[in-house]
ModelCIF file with pLDDT and N, C-alpha, C, O atoms, coordinates in Angstrom:
data_MODEL
#
_entry.id   MODEL 
#
_entity.id                         1 
_entity.type                       polymer 
_entity.pdbx_number_of_molecules   1 
#
_entity_poly.entity_id                      1 
_entity_poly.type                           'polypeptide(L)' 
_entity_poly.nstd_linkage                   no 
_entity_poly.nstd_monomer                   no 
_entity_poly.pdbx_seq_one_letter_code       NAKNTVYLQMNTLKPEDTAVYYCAADLWSPVCRTPMETADFNSWGQG 
_entity_poly.pdbx_seq_one_letter_code_can   NAKNTVYLQMNTLKPEDTAVYYCAADLWSPVCRTPMETADFNSWGQG 
_entity_poly.pdbx_strand_id                 A 
#
loop_
_entity_poly_seq.entity_id 
_entity_poly_seq.num 
_entity_poly_seq.mon_id 
_entity_poly_seq.hetero 
1 1  ASN n 
1 2  ALA n 
1 3  LYS n 
1 4  ASN n 
1 5  THR n 
1 6  VAL n 
1 7  TYR n 
1 8  LEU n 
1 9  GLN n 
1 10 MET n 
1 11 ASN n 
1 12 THR n 
1 13 LEU n 
1 14 LYS n 
1 15 PRO n 
1 16 GLU n 
1 17 ASP n 
1 18 THR n 
1 19 ALA n 
1 20 VAL n 
1 21 TYR n 
1 22 TYR n 
1 23 CYS n 
1 24 ALA n 
1 25 ALA n 
1 26 ASP n 
1 27 LEU n 
1 28 TRP n 
1 29 SER n 
1 30 PRO n 
1 31 VAL n 
1 32 CYS n 
1 33 ARG n 
1 34 THR n 
1 35 PRO n 
1 36 MET n 
1 37 GLU n 
1 38 THR n 
1 39 ALA n 
1 40 ASP n 
1 41 PHE n 
1 42 ASN n 
1 43 SER n 
1 44 TRP n 
1 45 GLY n 
1 46 GLN n 
1 47 GLY n 
#
_struct_asym.id          A 
_struct_asym.entity_id   1 
#
loop_
_ma_qa_metric.id 
_ma_qa_metric.mode 
_ma_qa_metric.name 
_ma_qa_metric.software_group_id 
_ma_qa_metric.type 
1 global pLDDT . pLDDT 
2 local  pLDDT . pLDDT 
#
_ma_qa_metric_global.metric_id      1 
_ma_qa_metric_global.metric_value   96.00 
_ma_qa_metric_global.model_id       1 
_ma_qa_metric_global.ordinal_id     1 
#
loop_
_ma_qa_metric_local.label_asym_id 
_ma_qa_metric_local.label_comp_id 
_ma_qa_metric_local.label_seq_id 
_ma_qa_metric_local.metric_id 
_ma_qa_metric_local.metric_value 
_ma_qa_metric_local.model_id 
_ma_qa_metric_local.ordinal_id 
A ASN 1  2 92.00 1 1  
A ALA 2  2 95.00 1 2  
A LYS 3  2 96.00 1 3  
A ASN 4  2 96.00 1 4  
A THR 5  2 97.00 1 5  
A VAL 6  2 97.00 1 6  
A TYR 7  2 98.00 1 7  
A LEU 8  2 98.00 1 8  
A GLN 9  2 98.00 1 9  
A MET 10 2 98.00 1 10 
A ASN 11 2 98.00 1 11 
A THR 12 2 98.00 1 12 
A LEU 13 2 98.00 1 13 
A LYS 14 2 98.00 1 14 
A PRO 15 2 97.00 1 15 
A GLU 16 2 97.00 1 16 
A ASP 17 2 98.00 1 17 
A THR 18 2 98.00 1 18 
A ALA 19 2 98.00 1 19 
A VAL 20 2 98.00 1 20 
A TYR 21 2 98.00 1 21 
A TYR 22 2 98.00 1 22 
A CYS 23 2 98.00 1 23 
A ALA 24 2 97.00 1 24 
A ALA 25 2 96.00 1 25 
A ASP 26 2 95.00 1 26 
A LEU 27 2 93.00 1 27 
A TRP 28 2 92.00 1 28 
A SER 29 2 92.00 1 29 
A PRO 30 2 94.00 1 30 
A VAL 31 2 95.00 1 31 
A CYS 32 2 96.00 1 32 
A ARG 33 2 94.00 1 33 
A THR 34 2 92.00 1 34 
A PRO 35 2 92.00 1 35 
A MET 36 2 94.00 1 36 
A GLU 37 2 95.00 1 37 
A THR 38 2 96.00 1 38 
A ALA 39 2 95.00 1 39 
A ASP 40 2 95.00 1 40 
A PHE 41 2 96.00 1 41 
A ASN 42 2 93.00 1 42 
A SER 43 2 95.00 1 43 
A TRP 44 2 97.00 1 44 
A GLY 45 2 97.00 1 45 
A GLN 46 2 97.00 1 46 
A GLY 47 2 97.00 1 47 
#
loop_
_atom_site.group_PDB 
_atom_site.id 
_atom_site.type_symbol 
_atom_site.label_atom_id 
_atom_site.label_alt_id 
_atom_site.label_comp_id 
_atom_site.label_asym_id 
_atom_site.label_entity_id 
_atom_site.label_seq_id 
_atom_site.pdbx_PDB_ins_code 
_atom_site.Cartn_x 
_atom_site.Cartn_y 
_atom_site.Cartn_z 
_atom_site.occupancy 
_atom_site.B_iso_or_equiv 
_atom_site.pdbx_formal_charge 
_atom_site.auth_seq_id 
_atom_site.auth_comp_id 
_atom_site.auth_asym_id 
_atom_site.auth_atom_id 
_atom_site.pdbx_PDB_model_num 
ATOM 1   N N  . ASN A 1 1  ? 117.918 94.036  98.050  1.00 92.00 ? 1  ASN A N  1 
ATOM 2   C CA . ASN A 1 1  ? 118.265 92.654  96.779  1.00 92.00 ? 1  ASN A CA 1 
ATOM 3   C C  . ASN A 1 1  ? 117.038 92.107  96.650  1.00 92.00 ? 1  ASN A C  1 
ATOM 4   O O  . ASN A 1 1  ? 116.663 92.159  95.478  1.00 92.00 ? 1  ASN A O  1 
ATOM 5   N N  . ALA A 1 2  ? 116.048 91.465  97.584  1.00 95.00 ? 2  ALA A N  1 
ATOM 6   C CA . ALA A 1 2  ? 114.774 91.007  97.758  1.00 95.00 ? 2  ALA A CA 1 
ATOM 7   C C  . ALA A 1 2  ? 114.093 91.476  96.220  1.00 95.00 ? 2  ALA A C  1 
ATOM 8   O O  . ALA A 1 2  ? 113.581 90.695  95.419  1.00 95.00 ? 2  ALA A O  1 
ATOM 9   N N  . LYS A 1 3  ? 114.211 92.699  96.080  1.00 96.00 ? 3  LYS A N  1 
ATOM 10  C CA . LYS A 1 3  ? 113.234 93.456  95.076  1.00 96.00 ? 3  LYS A CA 1 
ATOM 11  C C  . LYS A 1 3  ? 114.348 93.775  94.060  1.00 96.00 ? 3  LYS A C  1 
ATOM 12  O O  . LYS A 1 3  ? 113.886 94.376  93.091  1.00 96.00 ? 3  LYS A O  1 
ATOM 13  N N  . ASN A 1 4  ? 115.369 93.607  94.004  1.00 96.00 ? 4  ASN A N  1 
ATOM 14  C CA . ASN A 1 4  ? 116.277 93.757  92.961  1.00 96.00 ? 4  ASN A CA 1 
ATOM 15  C C  . ASN A 1 4  ? 116.206 95.559  92.115  1.00 96.00 ? 4  ASN A C  1 
ATOM 16  O O  . ASN A 1 4  ? 116.281 96.071  90.998  1.00 96.00 ? 4  ASN A O  1 
ATOM 17  N N  . THR A 1 5  ? 116.027 95.920  93.487  1.00 97.00 ? 5  THR A N  1 
ATOM 18  C CA . THR A 1 5  ? 115.535 97.703  92.961  1.00 97.00 ? 5  THR A CA 1 
ATOM 19  C C  . THR A 1 5  ? 116.781 98.510  94.003  1.00 97.00 ? 5  THR A C  1 
ATOM 20  O O  . THR A 1 5  ? 117.269 98.163  95.078  1.00 97.00 ? 5  THR A O  1 
ATOM 21  N N  . VAL A 1 6  ? 116.946 99.368  93.384  1.00 97.00 ? 6  VAL A N  1 
ATOM 22  C CA . VAL A 1 6  ? 117.728 100.536 94.050  1.00 97.00 ? 6  VAL A CA 1 
ATOM 23  C C  . VAL A 1 6  ? 116.999 101.722 94.249  1.00 97.00 ? 6  VAL A C  1 
ATOM 24  O O  . VAL A 1 6  ? 116.049 102.202 93.631  1.00 97.00 ? 6  VAL A O  1 
ATOM 25  N N  . TYR A 1 7  ? 117.739 102.165 95.404  1.00 98.00 ? 7  TYR A N  1 
ATOM 26  C CA . TYR A 1 7  ? 116.496 103.616 95.388  1.00 98.00 ? 7  TYR A CA 1 
ATOM 27  C C  . TYR A 1 7  ? 117.414 104.852 95.719  1.00 98.00 ? 7  TYR A C  1 
ATOM 28  O O  . TYR A 1 7  ? 118.527 104.625 96.194  1.00 98.00 ? 7  TYR A O  1 
ATOM 29  N N  . LEU A 1 8  ? 116.964 106.293 95.469  1.00 98.00 ? 8  LEU A N  1 
ATOM 30  C CA . LEU A 1 8  ? 117.842 107.379 95.624  1.00 98.00 ? 8  LEU A CA 1 
ATOM 31  C C  . LEU A 1 8  ? 116.816 108.332 96.200  1.00 98.00 ? 8  LEU A C  1 
ATOM 32  O O  . LEU A 1 8  ? 116.040 109.017 95.534  1.00 98.00 ? 8  LEU A O  1 
ATOM 33  N N  . GLN A 1 9  ? 116.937 108.276 97.944  1.00 98.00 ? 9  GLN A N  1 
ATOM 34  C CA . GLN A 1 9  ? 116.212 109.123 98.403  1.00 98.00 ? 9  GLN A CA 1 
ATOM 35  C C  . GLN A 1 9  ? 116.717 110.253 98.629  1.00 98.00 ? 9  GLN A C  1 
ATOM 36  O O  . GLN A 1 9  ? 117.772 110.357 99.256  1.00 98.00 ? 9  GLN A O  1 
ATOM 37  N N  . MET A 1 10 ? 115.996 111.380 98.118  1.00 98.00 ? 10 MET A N  1 
ATOM 38  C CA . MET A 1 10 ? 116.243 112.732 97.879  1.00 98.00 ? 10 MET A CA 1 
ATOM 39  C C  . MET A 1 10 ? 115.172 113.809 98.705  1.00 98.00 ? 10 MET A C  1 
ATOM 40  O O  . MET A 1 10 ? 113.989 114.091 98.519  1.00 98.00 ? 10 MET A O  1 
ATOM 41  N N  . ASN A 1 11 ? 116.465 114.382 99.974  1.00 98.00 ? 11 ASN A N  1 
ATOM 42  C CA . ASN A 1 11 ? 115.792 115.502 100.795 1.00 98.00 ? 11 ASN A CA 1 
ATOM 43  C C  . ASN A 1 11 ? 116.325 116.668 100.291 1.00 98.00 ? 11 ASN A C  1 
ATOM 44  O O  . ASN A 1 11 ? 117.064 116.945 99.346  1.00 98.00 ? 11 ASN A O  1 
ATOM 45  N N  . THR A 1 12 ? 115.650 117.402 101.334 1.00 98.00 ? 12 THR A N  1 
ATOM 46  C CA . THR A 1 12 ? 116.104 119.154 101.189 1.00 98.00 ? 12 THR A CA 1 
ATOM 47  C C  . THR A 1 12 ? 116.108 119.429 99.633  1.00 98.00 ? 12 THR A C  1 
ATOM 48  O O  . THR A 1 12 ? 117.106 119.998 99.191  1.00 98.00 ? 12 THR A O  1 
ATOM 49  N N  . LEU A 1 13 ? 115.396 119.186 99.015  1.00 98.00 ? 13 LEU A N  1 
ATOM 50  C CA . LEU A 1 13 ? 115.688 119.235 97.490  1.00 98.00 ? 13 LEU A CA 1 
ATOM 51  C C  . LEU A 1 13 ? 115.632 121.150 97.006  1.00 98.00 ? 13 LEU A C  1 
ATOM 52  O O  . LEU A 1 13 ? 114.798 121.897 97.518  1.00 98.00 ? 13 LEU A O  1 
ATOM 53  N N  . LYS A 1 14 ? 116.333 121.481 96.309  1.00 98.00 ? 14 LYS A N  1 
ATOM 54  C CA . LYS A 1 14 ? 116.848 122.643 95.533  1.00 98.00 ? 14 LYS A CA 1 
ATOM 55  C C  . LYS A 1 14 ? 116.232 122.703 94.235  1.00 98.00 ? 14 LYS A C  1 
ATOM 56  O O  . LYS A 1 14 ? 115.977 121.663 93.627  1.00 98.00 ? 14 LYS A O  1 
ATOM 57  N N  . PRO A 1 15 ? 115.933 124.016 93.690  1.00 97.00 ? 15 PRO A N  1 
ATOM 58  C CA . PRO A 1 15 ? 115.517 124.264 92.459  1.00 97.00 ? 15 PRO A CA 1 
ATOM 59  C C  . PRO A 1 15 ? 116.566 123.457 91.506  1.00 97.00 ? 15 PRO A C  1 
ATOM 60  O O  . PRO A 1 15 ? 116.301 122.690 90.580  1.00 97.00 ? 15 PRO A O  1 
ATOM 61  N N  . GLU A 1 16 ? 117.950 123.897 92.055  1.00 97.00 ? 16 GLU A N  1 
ATOM 62  C CA . GLU A 1 16 ? 119.196 123.199 90.969  1.00 97.00 ? 16 GLU A CA 1 
ATOM 63  C C  . GLU A 1 16 ? 118.733 121.390 91.003  1.00 97.00 ? 16 GLU A C  1 
ATOM 64  O O  . GLU A 1 16 ? 119.125 120.870 89.958  1.00 97.00 ? 16 GLU A O  1 
ATOM 65  N N  . ASP A 1 17 ? 118.194 120.623 91.705  1.00 98.00 ? 17 ASP A N  1 
ATOM 66  C CA . ASP A 1 17 ? 117.979 119.373 91.241  1.00 98.00 ? 17 ASP A CA 1 
ATOM 67  C C  . ASP A 1 17 ? 117.430 119.050 90.078  1.00 98.00 ? 17 ASP A C  1 
ATOM 68  O O  . ASP A 1 17 ? 117.704 118.071 89.383  1.00 98.00 ? 17 ASP A O  1 
ATOM 69  N N  . THR A 1 18 ? 116.307 120.257 89.783  1.00 98.00 ? 18 THR A N  1 
ATOM 70  C CA . THR A 1 18 ? 115.385 119.913 88.792  1.00 98.00 ? 18 THR A CA 1 
ATOM 71  C C  . THR A 1 18 ? 116.487 119.596 87.445  1.00 98.00 ? 18 THR A C  1 
ATOM 72  O O  . THR A 1 18 ? 117.356 120.364 87.032  1.00 98.00 ? 18 THR A O  1 
ATOM 73  N N  . ALA A 1 19 ? 116.053 117.846 86.778  1.00 98.00 ? 19 ALA A N  1 
ATOM 74  C CA . ALA A 1 19 ? 116.648 117.321 85.883  1.00 98.00 ? 19 ALA A CA 1 
ATOM 75  C C  . ALA A 1 19 ? 115.781 115.723 85.432  1.00 98.00 ? 19 ALA A C  1 
ATOM 76  O O  . ALA A 1 19 ? 114.764 115.182 85.864  1.00 98.00 ? 19 ALA A O  1 
ATOM 77  N N  . VAL A 1 20 ? 116.402 115.500 84.768  1.00 98.00 ? 20 VAL A N  1 
ATOM 78  C CA . VAL A 1 20 ? 115.873 113.865 84.129  1.00 98.00 ? 20 VAL A CA 1 
ATOM 79  C C  . VAL A 1 20 ? 116.947 113.080 85.187  1.00 98.00 ? 20 VAL A C  1 
ATOM 80  O O  . VAL A 1 20 ? 118.098 113.468 85.388  1.00 98.00 ? 20 VAL A O  1 
ATOM 81  N N  . TYR A 1 21 ? 116.418 112.082 85.717  1.00 98.00 ? 21 TYR A N  1 
ATOM 82  C CA . TYR A 1 21 ? 117.204 111.236 86.724  1.00 98.00 ? 21 TYR A CA 1 
ATOM 83  C C  . TYR A 1 21 ? 117.350 109.885 86.166  1.00 98.00 ? 21 TYR A C  1 
ATOM 84  O O  . TYR A 1 21 ? 116.421 109.134 85.870  1.00 98.00 ? 21 TYR A O  1 
ATOM 85  N N  . TYR A 1 22 ? 118.622 109.647 86.049  1.00 98.00 ? 22 TYR A N  1 
ATOM 86  C CA . TYR A 1 22 ? 118.636 108.143 85.122  1.00 98.00 ? 22 TYR A CA 1 
ATOM 87  C C  . TYR A 1 22 ? 119.129 106.997 86.042  1.00 98.00 ? 22 TYR A C  1 
ATOM 88  O O  . TYR A 1 22 ? 120.078 107.304 86.764  1.00 98.00 ? 22 TYR A O  1 
ATOM 89  N N  . CYS A 1 23 ? 118.737 105.944 86.129  1.00 98.00 ? 23 CYS A N  1 
ATOM 90  C CA . CYS A 1 23 ? 119.613 104.949 86.745  1.00 98.00 ? 23 CYS A CA 1 
ATOM 91  C C  . CYS A 1 23 ? 120.657 103.926 85.796  1.00 98.00 ? 23 CYS A C  1 
ATOM 92  O O  . CYS A 1 23 ? 120.242 103.333 84.801  1.00 98.00 ? 23 CYS A O  1 
ATOM 93  N N  . ALA A 1 24 ? 121.554 103.869 86.108  1.00 97.00 ? 24 ALA A N  1 
ATOM 94  C CA . ALA A 1 24 ? 122.239 102.957 84.992  1.00 97.00 ? 24 ALA A CA 1 
ATOM 95  C C  . ALA A 1 24 ? 123.384 101.928 85.956  1.00 97.00 ? 24 ALA A C  1 
ATOM 96  O O  . ALA A 1 24 ? 123.866 102.304 87.024  1.00 97.00 ? 24 ALA A O  1 
ATOM 97  N N  . ALA A 1 25 ? 123.644 100.715 85.371  1.00 96.00 ? 25 ALA A N  1 
ATOM 98  C CA . ALA A 1 25 ? 124.487 99.599  85.963  1.00 96.00 ? 25 ALA A CA 1 
ATOM 99  C C  . ALA A 1 25 ? 125.688 99.525  84.936  1.00 96.00 ? 25 ALA A C  1 
ATOM 100 O O  . ALA A 1 25 ? 125.682 99.585  83.707  1.00 96.00 ? 25 ALA A O  1 
ATOM 101 N N  . ASP A 1 26 ? 126.676 99.381  85.802  1.00 95.00 ? 26 ASP A N  1 
ATOM 102 C CA . ASP A 1 26 ? 128.052 99.278  85.121  1.00 95.00 ? 26 ASP A CA 1 
ATOM 103 C C  . ASP A 1 26 ? 128.490 97.585  85.215  1.00 95.00 ? 26 ASP A C  1 
ATOM 104 O O  . ASP A 1 26 ? 128.988 96.960  86.152  1.00 95.00 ? 26 ASP A O  1 
ATOM 105 N N  . LEU A 1 27 ? 128.061 97.116  83.764  1.00 93.00 ? 27 LEU A N  1 
ATOM 106 C CA . LEU A 1 27 ? 127.860 95.706  84.210  1.00 93.00 ? 27 LEU A CA 1 
ATOM 107 C C  . LEU A 1 27 ? 129.465 95.162  83.779  1.00 93.00 ? 27 LEU A C  1 
ATOM 108 O O  . LEU A 1 27 ? 129.547 94.040  83.279  1.00 93.00 ? 27 LEU A O  1 
ATOM 109 N N  . TRP A 1 28 ? 130.411 95.770  83.932  1.00 92.00 ? 28 TRP A N  1 
ATOM 110 C CA . TRP A 1 28 ? 131.561 95.585  83.599  1.00 92.00 ? 28 TRP A CA 1 
ATOM 111 C C  . TRP A 1 28 ? 132.567 95.459  85.237  1.00 92.00 ? 28 TRP A C  1 
ATOM 112 O O  . TRP A 1 28 ? 133.573 94.758  85.343  1.00 92.00 ? 28 TRP A O  1 
ATOM 113 N N  . SER A 1 29 ? 132.029 96.242  86.266  1.00 92.00 ? 29 SER A N  1 
ATOM 114 C CA . SER A 1 29 ? 132.394 96.195  87.421  1.00 92.00 ? 29 SER A CA 1 
ATOM 115 C C  . SER A 1 29 ? 131.219 96.117  88.644  1.00 92.00 ? 29 SER A C  1 
ATOM 116 O O  . SER A 1 29 ? 130.029 96.395  88.502  1.00 92.00 ? 29 SER A O  1 
ATOM 117 N N  . PRO A 1 30 ? 131.799 95.723  89.714  1.00 94.00 ? 30 PRO A N  1 
ATOM 118 C CA . PRO A 1 30 ? 131.000 95.570  90.848  1.00 94.00 ? 30 PRO A CA 1 
ATOM 119 C C  . PRO A 1 30 ? 131.587 96.649  91.737  1.00 94.00 ? 30 PRO A C  1 
ATOM 120 O O  . PRO A 1 30 ? 131.264 96.694  92.924  1.00 94.00 ? 30 PRO A O  1 
ATOM 121 N N  . VAL A 1 31 ? 132.358 97.440  91.259  1.00 95.00 ? 31 VAL A N  1 
ATOM 122 C CA . VAL A 1 31 ? 132.980 98.665  92.307  1.00 95.00 ? 31 VAL A CA 1 
ATOM 123 C C  . VAL A 1 31 ? 132.575 100.052 91.546  1.00 95.00 ? 31 VAL A C  1 
ATOM 124 O O  . VAL A 1 31 ? 132.654 100.142 90.321  1.00 95.00 ? 31 VAL A O  1 
ATOM 125 N N  . CYS A 1 32 ? 132.176 101.024 92.298  1.00 96.00 ? 32 CYS A N  1 
ATOM 126 C CA . CYS A 1 32 ? 132.016 102.130 91.868  1.00 96.00 ? 32 CYS A CA 1 
ATOM 127 C C  . CYS A 1 32 ? 133.475 102.830 91.217  1.00 96.00 ? 32 CYS A C  1 
ATOM 128 O O  . CYS A 1 32 ? 134.548 102.601 91.773  1.00 96.00 ? 32 CYS A O  1 
ATOM 129 N N  . ARG A 1 33 ? 133.395 103.674 90.026  1.00 94.00 ? 33 ARG A N  1 
ATOM 130 C CA . ARG A 1 33 ? 134.539 103.973 89.839  1.00 94.00 ? 33 ARG A CA 1 
ATOM 131 C C  . ARG A 1 33 ? 134.700 105.521 90.064  1.00 94.00 ? 33 ARG A C  1 
ATOM 132 O O  . ARG A 1 33 ? 133.620 106.108 90.127  1.00 94.00 ? 33 ARG A O  1 
ATOM 133 N N  . THR A 1 34 ? 135.922 106.376 90.210  1.00 92.00 ? 34 THR A N  1 
ATOM 134 C CA . THR A 1 34 ? 135.524 107.563 90.669  1.00 92.00 ? 34 THR A CA 1 
ATOM 135 C C  . THR A 1 34 ? 136.752 108.590 89.622  1.00 92.00 ? 34 THR A C  1 
ATOM 136 O O  . THR A 1 34 ? 137.973 108.454 89.699  1.00 92.00 ? 34 THR A O  1 
ATOM 137 N N  . PRO A 1 35 ? 136.171 109.386 88.878  1.00 92.00 ? 35 PRO A N  1 
ATOM 138 C CA . PRO A 1 35 ? 134.617 110.213 89.002  1.00 92.00 ? 35 PRO A CA 1 
ATOM 139 C C  . PRO A 1 35 ? 133.479 109.254 87.995  1.00 92.00 ? 35 PRO A C  1 
ATOM 140 O O  . PRO A 1 35 ? 133.791 108.571 87.019  1.00 92.00 ? 35 PRO A O  1 
ATOM 141 N N  . MET A 1 36 ? 132.426 109.403 88.436  1.00 94.00 ? 36 MET A N  1 
ATOM 142 C CA . MET A 1 36 ? 131.318 108.753 87.761  1.00 94.00 ? 36 MET A CA 1 
ATOM 143 C C  . MET A 1 36 ? 131.650 109.619 86.381  1.00 94.00 ? 36 MET A C  1 
ATOM 144 O O  . MET A 1 36 ? 131.890 110.805 86.154  1.00 94.00 ? 36 MET A O  1 
ATOM 145 N N  . GLU A 1 37 ? 131.524 108.252 85.468  1.00 95.00 ? 37 GLU A N  1 
ATOM 146 C CA . GLU A 1 37 ? 131.847 108.474 84.070  1.00 95.00 ? 37 GLU A CA 1 
ATOM 147 C C  . GLU A 1 37 ? 130.420 108.234 83.300  1.00 95.00 ? 37 GLU A C  1 
ATOM 148 O O  . GLU A 1 37 ? 129.747 107.451 83.970  1.00 95.00 ? 37 GLU A O  1 
ATOM 149 N N  . THR A 1 38 ? 129.812 108.609 82.238  1.00 96.00 ? 38 THR A N  1 
ATOM 150 C CA . THR A 1 38 ? 128.675 107.810 81.703  1.00 96.00 ? 38 THR A CA 1 
ATOM 151 C C  . THR A 1 38 ? 128.879 106.667 81.130  1.00 96.00 ? 38 THR A C  1 
ATOM 152 O O  . THR A 1 38 ? 128.059 105.770 80.938  1.00 96.00 ? 38 THR A O  1 
ATOM 153 N N  . ALA A 1 39 ? 130.457 106.721 80.738  1.00 95.00 ? 39 ALA A N  1 
ATOM 154 C CA . ALA A 1 39 ? 130.666 106.053 79.538  1.00 95.00 ? 39 ALA A CA 1 
ATOM 155 C C  . ALA A 1 39 ? 131.084 104.499 80.314  1.00 95.00 ? 39 ALA A C  1 
ATOM 156 O O  . ALA A 1 39 ? 131.108 103.468 79.641  1.00 95.00 ? 39 ALA A O  1 
ATOM 157 N N  . ASP A 1 40 ? 131.297 104.501 81.312  1.00 95.00 ? 40 ASP A N  1 
ATOM 158 C CA . ASP A 1 40 ? 131.412 103.141 82.289  1.00 95.00 ? 40 ASP A CA 1 
ATOM 159 C C  . ASP A 1 40 ? 130.204 102.576 82.352  1.00 95.00 ? 40 ASP A C  1 
ATOM 160 O O  . ASP A 1 40 ? 130.298 101.348 82.349  1.00 95.00 ? 40 ASP A O  1 
ATOM 161 N N  . PHE A 1 41 ? 129.093 102.976 82.408  1.00 96.00 ? 41 PHE A N  1 
ATOM 162 C CA . PHE A 1 41 ? 127.662 102.432 82.730  1.00 96.00 ? 41 PHE A CA 1 
ATOM 163 C C  . PHE A 1 41 ? 127.295 102.001 81.368  1.00 96.00 ? 41 PHE A C  1 
ATOM 164 O O  . PHE A 1 41 ? 127.144 102.910 80.551  1.00 96.00 ? 41 PHE A O  1 
ATOM 165 N N  . ASN A 1 42 ? 127.093 100.585 80.900  1.00 93.00 ? 42 ASN A N  1 
ATOM 166 C CA . ASN A 1 42 ? 126.425 100.188 79.558  1.00 93.00 ? 42 ASN A CA 1 
ATOM 167 C C  . ASN A 1 42 ? 125.025 99.816  79.907  1.00 93.00 ? 42 ASN A C  1 
ATOM 168 O O  . ASN A 1 42 ? 124.656 99.073  78.998  1.00 93.00 ? 42 ASN A O  1 
ATOM 169 N N  . SER A 1 43 ? 124.086 99.961  80.751  1.00 95.00 ? 43 SER A N  1 
ATOM 170 C CA . SER A 1 43 ? 122.900 99.770  80.714  1.00 95.00 ? 43 SER A CA 1 
ATOM 171 C C  . SER A 1 43 ? 121.750 100.702 81.206  1.00 95.00 ? 43 SER A C  1 
ATOM 172 O O  . SER A 1 43 ? 121.486 100.440 82.379  1.00 95.00 ? 43 SER A O  1 
ATOM 173 N N  . TRP A 1 44 ? 121.243 101.362 80.870  1.00 97.00 ? 44 TRP A N  1 
ATOM 174 C CA . TRP A 1 44 ? 120.398 102.712 81.308  1.00 97.00 ? 44 TRP A CA 1 
ATOM 175 C C  . TRP A 1 44 ? 118.880 102.329 81.508  1.00 97.00 ? 44 TRP A C  1 
ATOM 176 O O  . TRP A 1 44 ? 118.214 101.409 81.034  1.00 97.00 ? 44 TRP A O  1 
ATOM 177 N N  . GLY A 1 45 ? 118.605 103.221 82.264  1.00 97.00 ? 45 GLY A N  1 
ATOM 178 C CA . GLY A 1 45 ? 116.977 103.227 82.227  1.00 97.00 ? 45 GLY A CA 1 
ATOM 179 C C  . GLY A 1 45 ? 116.461 104.346 81.291  1.00 97.00 ? 45 GLY A C  1 
ATOM 180 O O  . GLY A 1 45 ? 117.151 104.920 80.449  1.00 97.00 ? 45 GLY A O  1 
ATOM 181 N N  . GLN A 1 46 ? 115.119 104.584 81.560  1.00 97.00 ? 46 GLN A N  1 
ATOM 182 C CA . GLN A 1 46 ? 114.605 105.643 80.564  1.00 97.00 ? 46 GLN A CA 1 
ATOM 183 C C  . GLN A 1 46 ? 114.626 107.239 81.018  1.00 97.00 ? 46 GLN A C  1 
ATOM 184 O O  . GLN A 1 46 ? 114.566 108.137 80.178  1.00 97.00 ? 46 GLN A O  1 
ATOM 185 N N  . GLY A 1 47 ? 114.709 107.463 82.304  1.00 97.00 ? 47 GLY A N  1 
ATOM 186 C CA . GLY A 1 47 ? 114.761 108.266 82.882  1.00 97.00 ? 47 GLY A CA 1 
ATOM 187 C C  . GLY A 1 47 ? 113.451 108.519 83.595  1.00 97.00 ? 47 GLY A C  1 
ATOM 188 O O  . GLY A 1 47 ? 113.337 109.480 84.356  1.00 97.00 ? 47 GLY A O  1 
#
C-alpha cells in the first residue's frame, strides 16, 4: 500500500505460462468476483 503497487510472484514457471501479462483494476468493487471476467475490470495496464 505504501508504494501503491501490486505484485505477482511467479515461481516454477512453465512454457505454458508464456503470455503477455496485464494488471487491471475493478473500480466498481473492492471484492474479487468469481469467475474473473475481463468485463469486470475497467482500468488496464499496457502489459
